[in-house]
């Protein structure tokens, strides 16, 4: 994934934080997750979609995968404190009993 650097004017940050109740960093992370979920690759289940199906937070999925407690995919450290995640739809269904919609 490419890394971009940009600045956001303070008034824009304030509007986003006021309207969403989220800090700009959390808001941008959510937007990124939404984009990735919409462009989900075949044969993969996104963290946001897995969390929604299990009715848990995305952080629950991430931490569970990092610790090995959720055995339906992999959490791979890609630098510093950043991880990338792979969730197998088949293993997700086997472990949770929840069918993954197409």
Foldseek 3Di string as FASTA:
>chain_A
DDDDDDDDDPVVQVVCCVVPVDGPVVVVVVVVQVVCCVVPDPQFHGLVRLCVQVVHDSVCVQVCQVVVVQPQWHWADDDDRDTDITGGQVSSCVVPVGHDDD
